[in-house]
């Protein structure tokens, strides 16, 4: 369950930091699918970033994740953690160069 909650929190953080980075002109969205969603509406972007991990939490309550599904969940957490580290790197670089 903790992994699912981590994905939810990481998804929200990723969405907020990505939004900040894009509107301030610091970064661009690398994922073409999410770029298309953002071009439509930031609301859709946030909806997807929050809905997918929330659905995973619902699935977890219906059927606890074991075996390969648990391995995929752990892999998703590692990837999201890497994305958050990347966000922290550009944030530190941004503040270091703007000071």
C-alpha atoms as a PDB file:
ATOM      1  CA  UNK A   1       0.000   0.000   0.000  1.00  0.00           C
ATOM      2  CA  UNK A   2       2.894   2.342   0.787  1.00  0.00           C
ATOM      3  CA  UNK A   3       4.180   1.978  -2.764  1.00  0.00           C
ATOM      4  CA  UNK A   4       0.785   2.981  -4.155  1.00  0.00           C
ATOM      5  CA  UNK A   5       0.693   6.034  -1.891  1.00  0.00           C
ATOM      6  CA  UNK A   6       4.226   6.914  -2.957  1.00  0.00           C
ATOM      7  CA  UNK A   7       3.106   6.816  -6.594  1.00  0.00           C
ATOM      8  CA  UNK A   8       0.159   9.095  -5.816  1.00  0.00           C
ATOM      9  CA  UNK A   9       2.330  11.632  -3.981  1.00  0.00           C
ATOM     10  CA  UNK A  10       5.089  11.384  -6.601  1.00  0.00           C
ATOM     11  CA  UNK A  11       2.534  11.899  -9.384  1.00  0.00           C
ATOM     12  CA  UNK A  12       1.182  15.027  -7.728  1.00  0.00           C
ATOM     13  CA  UNK A  13       4.688  16.384  -7.097  1.00  0.00           C
ATOM     14  CA  UNK A  14       5.700  15.590 -10.660  1.00  0.00           C
ATOM     15  CA  UNK A  15       2.633  17.386 -12.022  1.00  0.00           C
ATOM     16  CA  UNK A  16       3.169  20.505  -9.906  1.00  0.00           C
ATOM     17  CA  UNK A  17       6.905  20.699 -10.619  1.00  0.00           C
ATOM     18  CA  UNK A  18       6.403  20.046 -14.320  1.00  0.00           C
ATOM     19  CA  UNK A  19       3.734  22.741 -14.467  1.00  0.00           C
ATOM     20  CA  UNK A  20       6.025  25.221 -12.696  1.00  0.00           C
ATOM     21  CA  UNK A  21       8.959  24.350 -14.948  1.00  0.00           C
ATOM     22  CA  UNK A  22       6.973  24.683 -18.155  1.00  0.00           C
ATOM     23  CA  UNK A  23       5.133  27.914 -17.368  1.00  0.00           C
ATOM     24  CA  UNK A  24       8.391  29.509 -16.215  1.00  0.00           C
ATOM     25  CA  UNK A  25      10.143  28.366 -19.395  1.00  0.00           C
ATOM     26  CA  UNK A  26      12.788  26.342 -17.585  1.00  0.00           C
ATOM     27  CA  UNK A  27      11.905  22.927 -19.021  1.00  0.00           C
ATOM     28  CA  UNK A  28       9.832  21.294 -21.733  1.00  0.00           C
ATOM     29  CA  UNK A  29       7.715  18.163 -21.428  1.00  0.00           C
ATOM     30  CA  UNK A  30       9.709  15.240 -22.814  1.00  0.00           C
ATOM     31  CA  UNK A  31       6.763  12.833 -23.020  1.00  0.00           C
ATOM     32  CA  UNK A  32       4.894  13.489 -26.297  1.00  0.00           C
ATOM     33  CA  UNK A  33       1.642  12.013 -24.946  1.00  0.00           C
ATOM     34  CA  UNK A  34       1.637  14.238 -21.874  1.00  0.00           C
ATOM     35  CA  UNK A  35       2.678  17.219 -24.024  1.00  0.00           C
ATOM     36  CA  UNK A  36      -0.437  16.652 -26.138  1.00  0.00           C
ATOM     37  CA  UNK A  37      -2.566  16.441 -22.979  1.00  0.00           C
ATOM     38  CA  UNK A  38      -1.059  19.689 -21.649  1.00  0.00           C
ATOM     39  CA  UNK A  39      -1.712  21.396 -24.973  1.00  0.00           C
ATOM     40  CA  UNK A  40      -5.389  20.500 -24.511  1.00  0.00           C
ATOM     41  CA  UNK A  41      -5.696  21.527 -20.873  1.00  0.00           C
ATOM     42  CA  UNK A  42      -3.689  21.598 -17.653  1.00  0.00           C
ATOM     43  CA  UNK A  43      -6.792  20.210 -15.953  1.00  0.00           C
ATOM     44  CA  UNK A  44      -6.552  17.030 -18.036  1.00  0.00           C
ATOM     45  CA  UNK A  45      -2.863  16.805 -17.211  1.00  0.00           C
ATOM     46  CA  UNK A  46      -3.517  16.967 -13.451  1.00  0.00           C
ATOM     47  CA  UNK A  47      -6.495  14.634 -13.775  1.00  0.00           C
ATOM     48  CA  UNK A  48      -4.357  11.938 -15.409  1.00  0.00           C
ATOM     49  CA  UNK A  49      -1.439  12.406 -12.992  1.00  0.00           C
ATOM     50  CA  UNK A  50      -3.755  11.950 -10.008  1.00  0.00           C
ATOM     51  CA  UNK A  51      -6.279   9.478 -11.425  1.00  0.00           C
ATOM     52  CA  UNK A  52      -3.880   6.726 -12.508  1.00  0.00           C
ATOM     53  CA  UNK A  53      -2.190   6.230  -9.108  1.00  0.00           C
ATOM     54  CA  UNK A  54      -5.571   6.579  -7.387  1.00  0.00           C
ATOM     55  CA  UNK A  55      -6.954   3.769  -9.567  1.00  0.00           C
ATOM     56  CA  UNK A  56      -3.963   1.664  -8.607  1.00  0.00           C
ATOM     57  CA  UNK A  57      -4.787   2.209  -4.932  1.00  0.00           C
ATOM     58  CA  UNK A  58      -8.381   1.097  -5.619  1.00  0.00           C
ATOM     59  CA  UNK A  59      -7.112  -2.005  -7.418  1.00  0.00           C
ATOM     60  CA  UNK A  60      -4.813  -2.736  -4.516  1.00  0.00           C
ATOM     61  CA  UNK A  61      -7.762  -2.791  -2.107  1.00  0.00           C
ATOM     62  CA  UNK A  62      -9.687  -5.097  -4.426  1.00  0.00           C
ATOM     63  CA  UNK A  63      -6.758  -7.446  -5.018  1.00  0.00           C
ATOM     64  CA  UNK A  64      -3.372  -6.951  -3.282  1.00  0.00           C
ATOM     65  CA  UNK A  65      -0.553  -6.852  -5.809  1.00  0.00           C
ATOM     66  CA  UNK A  66       1.754  -9.869  -5.785  1.00  0.00           C
ATOM     67  CA  UNK A  67       4.388 -11.408  -8.016  1.00  0.00           C
ATOM     68  CA  UNK A  68       4.913  -9.673 -11.350  1.00  0.00           C
ATOM     69  CA  UNK A  69       2.438  -6.912 -10.563  1.00  0.00           C
ATOM     70  CA  UNK A  70       4.371  -6.037  -7.424  1.00  0.00           C
ATOM     71  CA  UNK A  71       7.596  -6.015  -9.448  1.00  0.00           C
ATOM     72  CA  UNK A  72       5.976  -3.613 -11.933  1.00  0.00           C
ATOM     73  CA  UNK A  73       4.787  -1.417  -9.068  1.00  0.00           C
ATOM     74  CA  UNK A  74       8.293  -1.282  -7.596  1.00  0.00           C
ATOM     75  CA  UNK A  75       9.698  -0.479 -11.048  1.00  0.00           C
ATOM     76  CA  UNK A  76       7.198   2.374 -11.444  1.00  0.00           C
ATOM     77  CA  UNK A  77       8.238   3.737  -8.028  1.00  0.00           C
ATOM     78  CA  UNK A  78      11.920   3.626  -9.007  1.00  0.00           C
ATOM     79  CA  UNK A  79      11.175   5.444 -12.273  1.00  0.00           C
ATOM     80  CA  UNK A  80       9.077   8.085 -10.519  1.00  0.00           C
ATOM     81  CA  UNK A  81      11.800   8.552  -7.906  1.00  0.00           C
ATOM     82  CA  UNK A  82      14.285   9.109 -10.748  1.00  0.00           C
ATOM     83  CA  UNK A  83      11.946  11.687 -12.299  1.00  0.00           C
ATOM     84  CA  UNK A  84      11.684  13.525  -8.968  1.00  0.00           C
ATOM     85  CA  UNK A  85      15.497  13.524  -8.641  1.00  0.00           C
ATOM     86  CA  UNK A  86      15.665  15.015 -12.146  1.00  0.00           C
ATOM     87  CA  UNK A  87      13.161  17.696 -11.098  1.00  0.00           C
ATOM     88  CA  UNK A  88      15.261  18.522  -8.046  1.00  0.00           C
ATOM     89  CA  UNK A  89      18.361  18.837 -10.256  1.00  0.00           C
ATOM     90  CA  UNK A  90      16.788  21.400 -12.594  1.00  0.00           C
ATOM     91  CA  UNK A  91      15.261  23.285  -9.672  1.00  0.00           C
ATOM     92  CA  UNK A  92      18.661  23.546  -7.962  1.00  0.00           C
ATOM     93  CA  UNK A  93      20.310  24.603 -11.232  1.00  0.00           C
ATOM     94  CA  UNK A  94      17.581  27.194 -11.829  1.00  0.00           C
ATOM     95  CA  UNK A  95      17.919  28.780  -8.401  1.00  0.00           C
ATOM     96  CA  UNK A  96      21.701  28.618  -8.495  1.00  0.00           C
ATOM     97  CA  UNK A  97      21.901  30.451 -11.827  1.00  0.00           C
ATOM     98  CA  UNK A  98      19.188  33.009 -11.009  1.00  0.00           C
ATOM     99  CA  UNK A  99      20.819  34.102  -7.745  1.00  0.00           C
END
